[in-house]
Amino acid sequence: MSDHDHAPDPLAIRAEALEKLLTDQGLVTAEAIEGVIRHYAEDVGPMNGARVVARAWTDPAYRERLLENGREAIAELGFGGAQGERLVVVENEPQVHNVVVCTLCSCYPWPVLGLPPSWYKDPAYRSRVVREPRAVLREFGLELPDETEVRVWDSSAEIRYMVLPQRPVGTESLSEADLAPLVSRDAMIGVAQVEANRE
């Protein structure tokens, strides 16, 4: 990677400056800012998306609605809002694996995945996953068969993508509540697959 790949993120610098200005002026406390971050990381985080995935795995009619209109389908479970107004869900299949990126910045479906991980915003991921998706997936520990087609979806300000991972073999007897904890944020971005024995 070049030195440019490790340059400070201008948006992060602006966010830190704004946070300092607001706290210095007494308009907001550092605790309040941390509370918002914690809310998106822990309460609105990937567990919302995991519930969506588990419902789609156990309810074929819901799965169809989710693939037809992601925003309306997640609203059925009480999720929605900023960064989720136009949500498209793409489904992994035995011969097709989907992965999501935002090549311009870090557009991300917050209502179902919470805050984006730092690597999602990294220029190296944003450029490389488009050019060499298999190599990037391999670096995440995901080795796909040669015959599997890899589709890369580029999120933008107008549209956000989420992956509906394949349900792991051996989970047919599990309930929706049992399935949700198996689903990781990375699987809903497409850089991982769901394992039946995820702890």
Protein backbone atom coordinates (compact mmCIF):
# COMPACT_ATOMS: atom_id res chain seq x y z
CA MET A 1 0.00 0.00 0.00
CA SER A 2 1.15 3.54 -0.65
CA ASP A 3 1.54 6.31 1.90
CA HIS A 4 -1.66 7.74 0.48
CA ASP A 5 -3.55 4.67 1.74
CA HIS A 6 -2.54 5.56 5.30
CA ALA A 7 -3.37 9.28 5.11
CA PRO A 8 -5.63 10.57 7.89
CA ASP A 9 -9.32 10.39 7.05
CA PRO A 10 -10.53 13.99 6.43
CA LEU A 11 -14.02 13.13 7.69
CA ALA A 12 -12.62 11.69 10.92
CA ILE A 13 -10.52 14.83 11.42
CA ARG A 14 -13.61 17.03 10.88
CA ALA A 15 -15.70 14.90 13.23
CA GLU A 16 -13.08 15.16 15.98
CA ALA A 17 -12.82 18.94 15.48
CA LEU A 18 -16.61 19.31 15.60
CA GLU A 19 -16.84 17.16 18.72
CA LYS A 20 -14.16 19.27 20.43
CA LEU A 21 -15.90 22.51 19.43
CA LEU A 22 -19.29 21.33 20.71
CA THR A 23 -17.89 20.06 24.01
CA ASP A 24 -15.68 23.13 24.53
CA GLN A 25 -18.72 25.39 24.03
CA GLY A 26 -20.75 23.31 26.48
CA LEU A 27 -23.36 22.46 23.83
CA VAL A 28 -22.96 18.73 24.32
CA THR A 29 -21.05 16.52 26.70
CA ALA A 30 -18.51 13.90 25.75
CA GLU A 31 -20.72 11.39 27.57
CA ALA A 32 -23.67 12.26 25.33
CA ILE A 33 -21.56 11.75 22.21
CA GLU A 34 -20.28 8.43 23.56
CA GLY A 35 -23.89 7.47 24.30
CA VAL A 36 -24.89 8.01 20.67
CA ILE A 37 -21.90 5.98 19.47
CA ARG A 38 -22.68 3.22 21.97
CA HIS A 39 -26.34 3.23 20.87
CA TYR A 40 -25.39 2.58 17.24
CA ALA A 41 -22.64 0.13 18.13
CA GLU A 42 -24.59 -1.91 20.68
CA ASP A 43 -28.33 -1.27 20.40
CA VAL A 44 -28.83 -0.44 16.73
CA GLY A 45 -25.89 -2.53 15.70
CA PRO A 46 -25.63 -5.73 13.73
CA MET A 47 -28.08 -7.54 15.99
CA ASN A 48 -30.89 -5.77 14.12
CA GLY A 49 -29.62 -7.13 10.82
CA ALA A 50 -29.18 -10.55 12.40
CA ARG A 51 -32.85 -10.55 13.38
CA VAL A 52 -33.78 -9.61 9.82
CA VAL A 53 -31.67 -12.46 8.42
CA ALA A 54 -33.05 -15.00 10.90
CA ARG A 55 -36.62 -13.98 10.04
CA ALA A 56 -35.87 -14.33 6.32
CA TRP A 57 -34.41 -17.80 6.91
CA THR A 58 -37.51 -19.00 8.80
CA ASP A 59 -40.27 -17.15 6.97
CA PRO A 60 -40.25 -17.55 3.15
CA ALA A 61 -42.90 -14.85 2.65
CA TYR A 62 -40.83 -12.38 4.67
CA ARG A 63 -37.73 -13.34 2.67
CA GLU A 64 -39.56 -12.47 -0.55
CA ARG A 65 -40.66 -9.10 0.84
CA LEU A 66 -37.11 -8.40 2.05
CA LEU A 67 -35.61 -9.05 -1.37
CA GLU A 68 -38.36 -7.04 -3.07
CA ASN A 69 -38.21 -3.97 -0.79
CA GLY A 70 -35.61 -3.99 1.99
CA ARG A 71 -36.76 -0.73 3.60
CA GLU A 72 -40.36 -1.86 3.98
CA ALA A 73 -39.38 -5.33 5.19
CA ILE A 74 -37.04 -4.08 7.93
CA ALA A 75 -39.74 -1.61 9.00
CA GLU A 76 -41.94 -4.63 9.76
CA LEU A 77 -39.45 -5.48 12.52
CA GLY A 78 -39.30 -1.89 13.76
CA PHE A 79 -36.05 -0.85 12.06
CA GLY A 80 -35.53 2.15 9.83
CA GLY A 81 -34.42 5.73 9.71
CA ALA A 82 -31.36 7.58 8.51
CA GLN A 83 -29.09 5.61 6.18
CA GLY A 84 -31.80 3.01 5.61
CA GLU A 85 -34.26 4.89 3.42
CA ARG A 86 -33.32 2.90 0.30
CA LEU A 87 -32.10 -0.52 1.34
CA VAL A 88 -31.50 -3.28 -1.18
CA VAL A 89 -30.89 -6.79 0.11
CA VAL A 90 -28.93 -9.18 -2.11
CA GLU A 91 -29.04 -12.90 -1.44
CA ASN A 92 -26.13 -15.30 -1.39
CA GLU A 93 -26.80 -18.56 -3.20
CA PRO A 94 -24.75 -21.73 -3.69
CA GLN A 95 -23.16 -20.37 -6.89
CA VAL A 96 -23.25 -16.63 -6.08
CA HIS A 97 -21.54 -14.72 -3.28
CA ASN A 98 -22.23 -11.01 -2.72
CA VAL A 99 -19.99 -8.46 -1.04
CA VAL A 100 -20.72 -4.81 -0.27
CA VAL A 101 -18.46 -1.76 -0.47
CA CYS A 102 -18.77 2.00 -0.75
CA THR A 103 -16.07 3.10 -3.15
CA LEU A 104 -16.61 6.82 -2.54
CA CYS A 105 -16.73 7.03 1.25
CA SER A 106 -18.49 4.80 3.77
CA CYS A 107 -22.20 4.63 2.90
CA TYR A 108 -23.63 1.91 5.09
CA PRO A 109 -27.07 0.69 6.26
CA TRP A 110 -26.95 1.91 9.88
CA PRO A 111 -30.46 0.74 10.91
CA VAL A 112 -29.52 -2.91 10.35
CA LEU A 113 -25.73 -2.96 10.74
CA GLY A 114 -24.96 -0.14 13.18
CA LEU A 115 -21.74 1.81 12.69
CA PRO A 116 -19.41 0.71 9.87
CA PRO A 117 -16.21 -1.05 10.92
CA SER A 118 -13.00 0.90 10.39
CA TRP A 119 -11.80 -1.47 7.64
CA TYR A 120 -14.98 -0.74 5.63
CA LYS A 121 -13.92 2.92 5.43
CA ASP A 122 -10.29 2.14 4.64
CA PRO A 123 -9.22 3.24 1.12
CA ALA A 124 -7.45 -0.09 0.57
CA TYR A 125 -10.67 -2.10 1.10
CA ARG A 126 -12.74 0.36 -0.91
CA SER A 127 -10.51 0.12 -3.97
CA ARG A 128 -9.25 -3.45 -3.80
CA VAL A 129 -12.52 -5.30 -3.21
CA VAL A 130 -13.75 -4.03 -6.57
CA ARG A 131 -10.59 -5.00 -8.46
CA GLU A 132 -9.69 -8.24 -6.68
CA PRO A 133 -12.61 -9.37 -4.54
CA ARG A 134 -11.40 -12.95 -4.12
CA ALA A 135 -8.03 -11.81 -2.80
CA VAL A 136 -9.70 -9.45 -0.30
CA LEU A 137 -12.17 -12.14 0.82
CA ARG A 138 -9.24 -14.53 1.27
CA GLU A 139 -7.58 -11.98 3.56
CA PHE A 140 -10.75 -12.06 5.68
CA GLY A 141 -10.43 -15.85 5.83
CA LEU A 142 -13.11 -16.60 3.25
CA GLU A 143 -12.00 -18.95 0.49
CA LEU A 144 -14.68 -19.47 -2.15
CA PRO A 145 -14.76 -22.23 -4.77
CA ASP A 146 -13.56 -21.17 -8.23
CA GLU A 147 -17.01 -21.79 -9.69
CA THR A 148 -18.68 -19.34 -7.27
CA GLU A 149 -19.46 -16.00 -8.91
CA VAL A 150 -18.52 -12.99 -6.74
CA ARG A 151 -20.71 -9.92 -7.14
CA VAL A 152 -19.58 -6.59 -5.67
CA TRP A 153 -22.27 -4.04 -4.78
CA ASP A 154 -21.31 -0.38 -4.44
CA SER A 155 -23.36 1.49 -1.82
CA SER A 156 -23.94 5.19 -2.33
CA ALA A 157 -25.78 8.14 -0.82
CA GLU A 158 -28.89 7.02 -2.72
CA ILE A 159 -28.80 3.27 -2.03
CA ARG A 160 -27.43 0.99 0.68
CA TYR A 161 -26.85 -2.75 0.31
CA MET A 162 -26.99 -5.61 2.78
CA VAL A 163 -26.21 -9.27 2.12
CA LEU A 164 -28.66 -12.00 3.05
CA PRO A 165 -26.18 -14.82 3.81
CA GLN A 166 -26.91 -18.45 3.14
CA ARG A 167 -28.39 -20.36 6.05
CA PRO A 168 -25.80 -22.84 7.28
CA VAL A 169 -26.43 -26.54 6.81
CA GLY A 170 -27.46 -28.29 10.01
CA THR A 171 -29.58 -25.44 11.39
CA GLU A 172 -32.92 -26.65 10.07
CA SER A 173 -34.23 -27.36 13.58
CA LEU A 174 -33.19 -23.98 15.01
CA SER A 175 -35.72 -21.25 15.70
CA GLU A 176 -35.47 -17.64 14.60
CA ALA A 177 -34.24 -16.71 18.08
CA ASP A 178 -31.57 -19.42 17.93
CA LEU A 179 -30.44 -18.41 14.44
CA ALA A 180 -29.97 -14.67 15.01
CA PRO A 181 -26.86 -15.03 17.26
CA LEU A 182 -25.14 -17.01 14.49
CA VAL A 183 -25.27 -14.06 12.07
CA SER A 184 -22.28 -11.71 12.10
CA ARG A 185 -21.98 -8.18 10.78
CA ASP A 186 -19.25 -9.38 8.42
CA ALA A 187 -21.58 -11.99 6.90
CA MET A 188 -24.12 -9.23 6.17
CA ILE A 189 -21.41 -7.22 4.42
CA GLY A 190 -20.28 -10.34 2.57
CA VAL A 191 -16.71 -10.77 3.83
CA ALA A 192 -17.68 -13.86 5.85
CA GLN A 193 -20.15 -16.70 5.82
CA VAL A 194 -22.41 -17.82 8.65
CA GLU A 195 -21.18 -20.89 10.52
CA ALA A 196 -23.58 -23.20 12.34
CA ASN A 197 -21.40 -23.35 15.45
CA ARG A 198 -20.56 -19.63 15.80
CA GLU A 199 -20.01 -18.81 19.45
